[in-house]
Amino acid sequence: HIIDGIKEAGPVWVYWCFVMERYCGMLQRSITSKLYPYANLNLRILELEQINSI
């Protein structure tokens, strides 16, 4: 079915959302606080960016 998608929509990088879906799934799994999920999420993103900057 990948070949059909390429024929209909062009190169896969135009319409595939795998990278974004993977990132959102990773963020969802990183939320451990039910009381403060947004603060927990902000902290996780900050930690990831600090690691990426090294």
PDB file of N, CA and C in Angstrom:
ATOM      1  N   HIS A   1       0.813  -1.200   0.000  1.00  0.00           N
ATOM      2  CA  HIS A   1       0.000   0.000   0.000  1.00  0.00           C
ATOM      3  C   HIS A   1       0.853   1.259   0.000  1.00  0.00           C
ATOM      4  N   ILE A   2       2.123   1.143   0.310  1.00  0.00           N
ATOM      5  CA  ILE A   2       3.016   2.306   0.288  1.00  0.00           C
ATOM      6  C   ILE A   2       3.187   2.812  -1.141  1.00  0.00           C
ATOM      7  N   ILE A   3       3.288   1.902  -2.074  1.00  0.00           N
ATOM      8  CA  ILE A   3       3.460   2.297  -3.474  1.00  0.00           C
ATOM      9  C   ILE A   3       2.248   3.082  -3.955  1.00  0.00           C
ATOM     10  N   ASP A   4       1.054   2.628  -3.577  1.00  0.00           N
ATOM     11  CA  ASP A   4      -0.164   3.358  -3.955  1.00  0.00           C
ATOM     12  C   ASP A   4      -0.162   4.762  -3.366  1.00  0.00           C
ATOM     13  N   GLY A   5       0.267   4.886  -2.117  1.00  0.00           N
ATOM     14  CA  GLY A   5       0.334   6.196  -1.474  1.00  0.00           C
ATOM     15  C   GLY A   5       1.310   7.124  -2.172  1.00  0.00           C
ATOM     16  N   ILE A   6       2.442   6.580  -2.592  1.00  0.00           N
ATOM     17  CA  ILE A   6       3.440   7.386  -3.306  1.00  0.00           C
ATOM     18  C   ILE A   6       2.889   7.843  -4.654  1.00  0.00           C
ATOM     19  N   LYS A   7       2.179   6.958  -5.332  1.00  0.00           N
ATOM     20  CA  LYS A   7       1.592   7.326  -6.626  1.00  0.00           C
ATOM     21  C   LYS A   7       0.530   8.411  -6.468  1.00  0.00           C
ATOM     22  N   GLU A   8      -0.257   8.333  -5.407  1.00  0.00           N
ATOM     23  CA  GLU A   8      -1.355   9.279  -5.209  1.00  0.00           C
ATOM     24  C   GLU A   8      -0.905  10.606  -4.614  1.00  0.00           C
ATOM     25  N   ALA A   9       0.021  10.585  -3.643  1.00  0.00           N
ATOM     26  CA  ALA A   9       0.347  11.804  -2.893  1.00  0.00           C
ATOM     27  C   ALA A   9       1.774  12.293  -3.086  1.00  0.00           C
ATOM     28  N   GLY A  10       2.591  11.539  -3.767  1.00  0.00           N
ATOM     29  CA  GLY A  10       3.975  11.968  -3.957  1.00  0.00           C
ATOM     30  C   GLY A  10       4.890  11.358  -2.915  1.00  0.00           C
ATOM     31  N   PRO A  11       6.045  11.979  -2.700  1.00  0.00           N
ATOM     32  CA  PRO A  11       7.026  11.430  -1.751  1.00  0.00           C
ATOM     33  C   PRO A  11       6.445  11.291  -0.343  1.00  0.00           C
ATOM     34  N   VAL A  12       6.870  10.255   0.361  1.00  0.00           N
ATOM     35  CA  VAL A  12       6.293   9.974   1.679  1.00  0.00           C
ATOM     36  C   VAL A  12       6.572  11.062   2.697  1.00  0.00           C
ATOM     37  N   TRP A  13       7.681  11.801   2.562  1.00  0.00           N
ATOM     38  CA  TRP A  13       7.982  12.839   3.547  1.00  0.00           C
ATOM     39  C   TRP A  13       6.951  13.958   3.505  1.00  0.00           C
ATOM     40  N   VAL A  14       6.156  14.023   2.440  1.00  0.00           N
ATOM     41  CA  VAL A  14       5.131  15.059   2.320  1.00  0.00           C
ATOM     42  C   VAL A  14       3.941  14.780   3.239  1.00  0.00           C
ATOM     43  N   TYR A  15       3.590  13.516   3.423  1.00  0.00           N
ATOM     44  CA  TYR A  15       2.354  13.206   4.135  1.00  0.00           C
ATOM     45  C   TYR A  15       2.502  12.260   5.325  1.00  0.00           C
ATOM     46  N   TRP A  16       3.648  11.670   5.550  1.00  0.00           N
ATOM     47  CA  TRP A  16       3.805  10.786   6.704  1.00  0.00           C
ATOM     48  C   TRP A  16       3.928  11.587   7.988  1.00  0.00           C
ATOM     49  N   CYS A  17       3.257  11.151   9.020  1.00  0.00           N
ATOM     50  CA  CYS A  17       3.280  11.833  10.320  1.00  0.00           C
ATOM     51  C   CYS A  17       3.986  10.995  11.375  1.00  0.00           C
ATOM     52  N   PHE A  18       4.776  10.015  10.950  1.00  0.00           N
ATOM     53  CA  PHE A  18       5.391   9.088  11.890  1.00  0.00           C
ATOM     54  C   PHE A  18       6.231   9.795  12.946  1.00  0.00           C
ATOM     55  N   VAL A  19       7.034  10.751  12.531  1.00  0.00           N
ATOM     56  CA  VAL A  19       7.929  11.426  13.472  1.00  0.00           C
ATOM     57  C   VAL A  19       7.126  12.172  14.531  1.00  0.00           C
ATOM     58  N   MET A  20       6.100  12.898  14.106  1.00  0.00           N
ATOM     59  CA  MET A  20       5.275  13.657  15.051  1.00  0.00           C
ATOM     60  C   MET A  20       4.484  12.714  15.961  1.00  0.00           C
ATOM     61  N   GLU A  21       3.942  11.636  15.409  1.00  0.00           N
ATOM     62  CA  GLU A  21       3.201  10.666  16.216  1.00  0.00           C
ATOM     63  C   GLU A  21       4.116  10.016  17.251  1.00  0.00           C
ATOM     64  N   ARG A  22       5.322   9.713  16.855  1.00  0.00           N
ATOM     65  CA  ARG A  22       6.287   9.114  17.784  1.00  0.00           C
ATOM     66  C   ARG A  22       6.627  10.085  18.912  1.00  0.00           C
ATOM     67  N   TYR A  23       6.834  11.354  18.566  1.00  0.00           N
ATOM     68  CA  TYR A  23       7.154  12.376  19.563  1.00  0.00           C
ATOM     69  C   TYR A  23       5.986  12.563  20.532  1.00  0.00           C
ATOM     70  N   CYS A  24       4.768  12.636  20.009  1.00  0.00           N
ATOM     71  CA  CYS A  24       3.589  12.796  20.876  1.00  0.00           C
ATOM     72  C   CYS A  24       3.408  11.586  21.785  1.00  0.00           C
ATOM     73  N   GLY A  25       3.658  10.391  21.265  1.00  0.00           N
ATOM     74  CA  GLY A  25       3.574   9.189  22.086  1.00  0.00           C
ATOM     75  C   GLY A  25       4.599   9.184  23.199  1.00  0.00           C
ATOM     76  N   MET A  26       5.805   9.646  22.881  1.00  0.00           N
ATOM     77  CA  MET A  26       6.856   9.730  23.894  1.00  0.00           C
ATOM     78  C   MET A  26       6.471  10.729  24.981  1.00  0.00           C
ATOM     79  N   LEU A  27       5.916  11.870  24.578  1.00  0.00           N
ATOM     80  CA  LEU A  27       5.490  12.870  25.558  1.00  0.00           C
ATOM     81  C   LEU A  27       4.361  12.335  26.436  1.00  0.00           C
ATOM     82  N   GLN A  28       3.428  11.637  25.815  1.00  0.00           N
ATOM     83  CA  GLN A  28       2.300  11.087  26.574  1.00  0.00           C
ATOM     84  C   GLN A  28       2.784  10.085  27.621  1.00  0.00           C
ATOM     85  N   ARG A  29       3.746   9.253  27.257  1.00  0.00           N
ATOM     86  CA  ARG A  29       4.284   8.273  28.208  1.00  0.00           C
ATOM     87  C   ARG A  29       5.090   8.931  29.318  1.00  0.00           C
ATOM     88  N   SER A  30       5.587  10.137  29.079  1.00  0.00           N
ATOM     89  CA  SER A  30       6.425  10.792  30.084  1.00  0.00           C
ATOM     90  C   SER A  30       5.613  11.511  31.156  1.00  0.00           C
ATOM     91  N   ILE A  31       4.309  11.646  30.968  1.00  0.00           N
ATOM     92  CA  ILE A  31       3.472  12.295  31.981  1.00  0.00           C
ATOM     93  C   ILE A  31       3.209  11.289  33.099  1.00  0.00           C
ATOM     94  N   THR A  32       3.706  11.603  34.284  1.00  0.00           N
ATOM     95  CA  THR A  32       3.546  10.691  35.413  1.00  0.00           C
ATOM     96  C   THR A  32       2.705  11.289  36.529  1.00  0.00           C
ATOM     97  N   SER A  33       2.453  12.585  36.470  1.00  0.00           N
ATOM     98  CA  SER A  33       1.682  13.251  37.515  1.00  0.00           C
ATOM     99  C   SER A  33       0.249  13.475  37.048  1.00  0.00           C
ATOM    100  N   LYS A  34      -0.710  12.951  37.795  1.00  0.00           N
ATOM    101  CA  LYS A  34      -2.115  13.189  37.467  1.00  0.00           C
ATOM    102  C   LYS A  34      -2.587  14.541  37.984  1.00  0.00           C
ATOM    103  N   LEU A  35      -1.926  15.042  38.998  1.00  0.00           N
ATOM    104  CA  LEU A  35      -2.317  16.316  39.594  1.00  0.00           C
ATOM    105  C   LEU A  35      -1.795  17.503  38.781  1.00  0.00           C
ATOM    106  N   TYR A  36      -0.560  17.401  38.284  1.00  0.00           N
ATOM    107  CA  TYR A  36       0.063  18.491  37.522  1.00  0.00           C
ATOM    108  C   TYR A  36       0.658  17.962  36.207  1.00  0.00           C
ATOM    109  N   PRO A  37      -0.171  17.489  35.291  1.00  0.00           N
ATOM    110  CA  PRO A  37       0.379  16.897  34.067  1.00  0.00           C
ATOM    111  C   PRO A  37       1.128  17.897  33.188  1.00  0.00           C
ATOM    112  N   TYR A  38       0.660  19.153  33.127  1.00  0.00           N
ATOM    113  CA  TYR A  38       1.315  20.139  32.259  1.00  0.00           C
ATOM    114  C   TYR A  38       2.684  20.543  32.802  1.00  0.00           C
ATOM    115  N   ALA A  39       2.782  20.693  34.095  1.00  0.00           N
ATOM    116  CA  ALA A  39       4.077  21.005  34.702  1.00  0.00           C
ATOM    117  C   ALA A  39       5.040  19.842  34.485  1.00  0.00           C
ATOM    118  N   ASN A  40       4.539  18.630  34.616  1.00  0.00           N
ATOM    119  CA  ASN A  40       5.345  17.436  34.394  1.00  0.00           C
ATOM    120  C   ASN A  40       5.823  17.372  32.948  1.00  0.00           C
ATOM    121  N   LEU A  41       4.935  17.680  32.032  1.00  0.00           N
ATOM    122  CA  LEU A  41       5.261  17.678  30.609  1.00  0.00           C
ATOM    123  C   LEU A  41       6.290  18.763  30.282  1.00  0.00           C
ATOM    124  N   ASN A  42       6.110  19.953  30.834  1.00  0.00           N
ATOM    125  CA  ASN A  42       7.073  21.035  30.615  1.00  0.00           C
ATOM    126  C   ASN A  42       8.462  20.652  31.105  1.00  0.00           C
ATOM    127  N   LEU A  43       8.521  20.018  32.256  1.00  0.00           N
ATOM    128  CA  LEU A  43       9.803  19.593  32.806  1.00  0.00           C
ATOM    129  C   LEU A  43      10.470  18.556  31.909  1.00  0.00           C
ATOM    130  N   ARG A  44       9.684  17.623  31.403  1.00  0.00           N
ATOM    131  CA  ARG A  44      10.221  16.567  30.538  1.00  0.00           C
ATOM    132  C   ARG A  44      10.775  17.161  29.245  1.00  0.00           C
ATOM    133  N   ILE A  45      10.056  18.089  28.648  1.00  0.00           N
ATOM    134  CA  ILE A  45      10.527  18.726  27.419  1.00  0.00           C
ATOM    135  C   ILE A  45      11.814  19.495  27.691  1.00  0.00           C
ATOM    136  N   LEU A  46      11.863  20.202  28.808  1.00  0.00           N
ATOM    137  CA  LEU A  46      13.070  20.935  29.190  1.00  0.00           C
ATOM    138  C   LEU A  46      14.256  19.984  29.357  1.00  0.00           C
ATOM    139  N   GLU A  47      14.038  18.859  30.020  1.00  0.00           N
ATOM    140  CA  GLU A  47      15.108  17.869  30.203  1.00  0.00           C
ATOM    141  C   GLU A  47      15.612  17.339  28.862  1.00  0.00           C
ATOM    142  N   LEU A  48      14.687  17.032  27.963  1.00  0.00           N
ATOM    143  CA  LEU A  48      15.083  16.519  26.648  1.00  0.00           C
ATOM    144  C   LEU A  48      15.904  17.545  25.873  1.00  0.00           C
ATOM    145  N   GLU A  49      15.490  18.797  25.928  1.00  0.00           N
ATOM    146  CA  GLU A  49      16.222  19.842  25.211  1.00  0.00           C
ATOM    147  C   GLU A  49      17.585  20.105  25.834  1.00  0.00           C
ATOM    148  N   GLN A  50      17.682  19.983  27.143  1.00  0.00           N
ATOM    149  CA  GLN A  50      18.983  20.138  27.788  1.00  0.00           C
ATOM    150  C   GLN A  50      19.930  19.024  27.361  1.00  0.00           C
ATOM    151  N   ILE A  51      19.416  17.824  27.266  1.00  0.00           N
ATOM    152  CA  ILE A  51      20.232  16.689  26.816  1.00  0.00           C
ATOM    153  C   ILE A  51      20.643  16.887  25.360  1.00  0.00           C
ATOM    154  N   ASN A  52      19.724  17.366  24.523  1.00  0.00           N
ATOM    155  CA  ASN A  52      20.032  17.590  23.105  1.00  0.00           C
ATOM    156  C   ASN A  52      21.070  18.683  22.898  1.00  0.00           C
ATOM    157  N   SER A  53      21.154  19.626  23.819  1.00  0.00           N
ATOM    158  CA  SER A  53      22.089  20.739  23.646  1.00  0.00           C
ATOM    159  C   SER A  53      23.524  20.382  24.043  1.00  0.00           C
ATOM    160  N   ILE A  54      23.691  19.239  24.668  1.00  0.00           N
ATOM    161  CA  ILE A  54      25.042  18.825  25.102  1.00  0.00           C
ATOM    162  C   ILE A  54      25.845  18.333  23.911  1.00  0.00           C
TER     163      ILE A  54
END
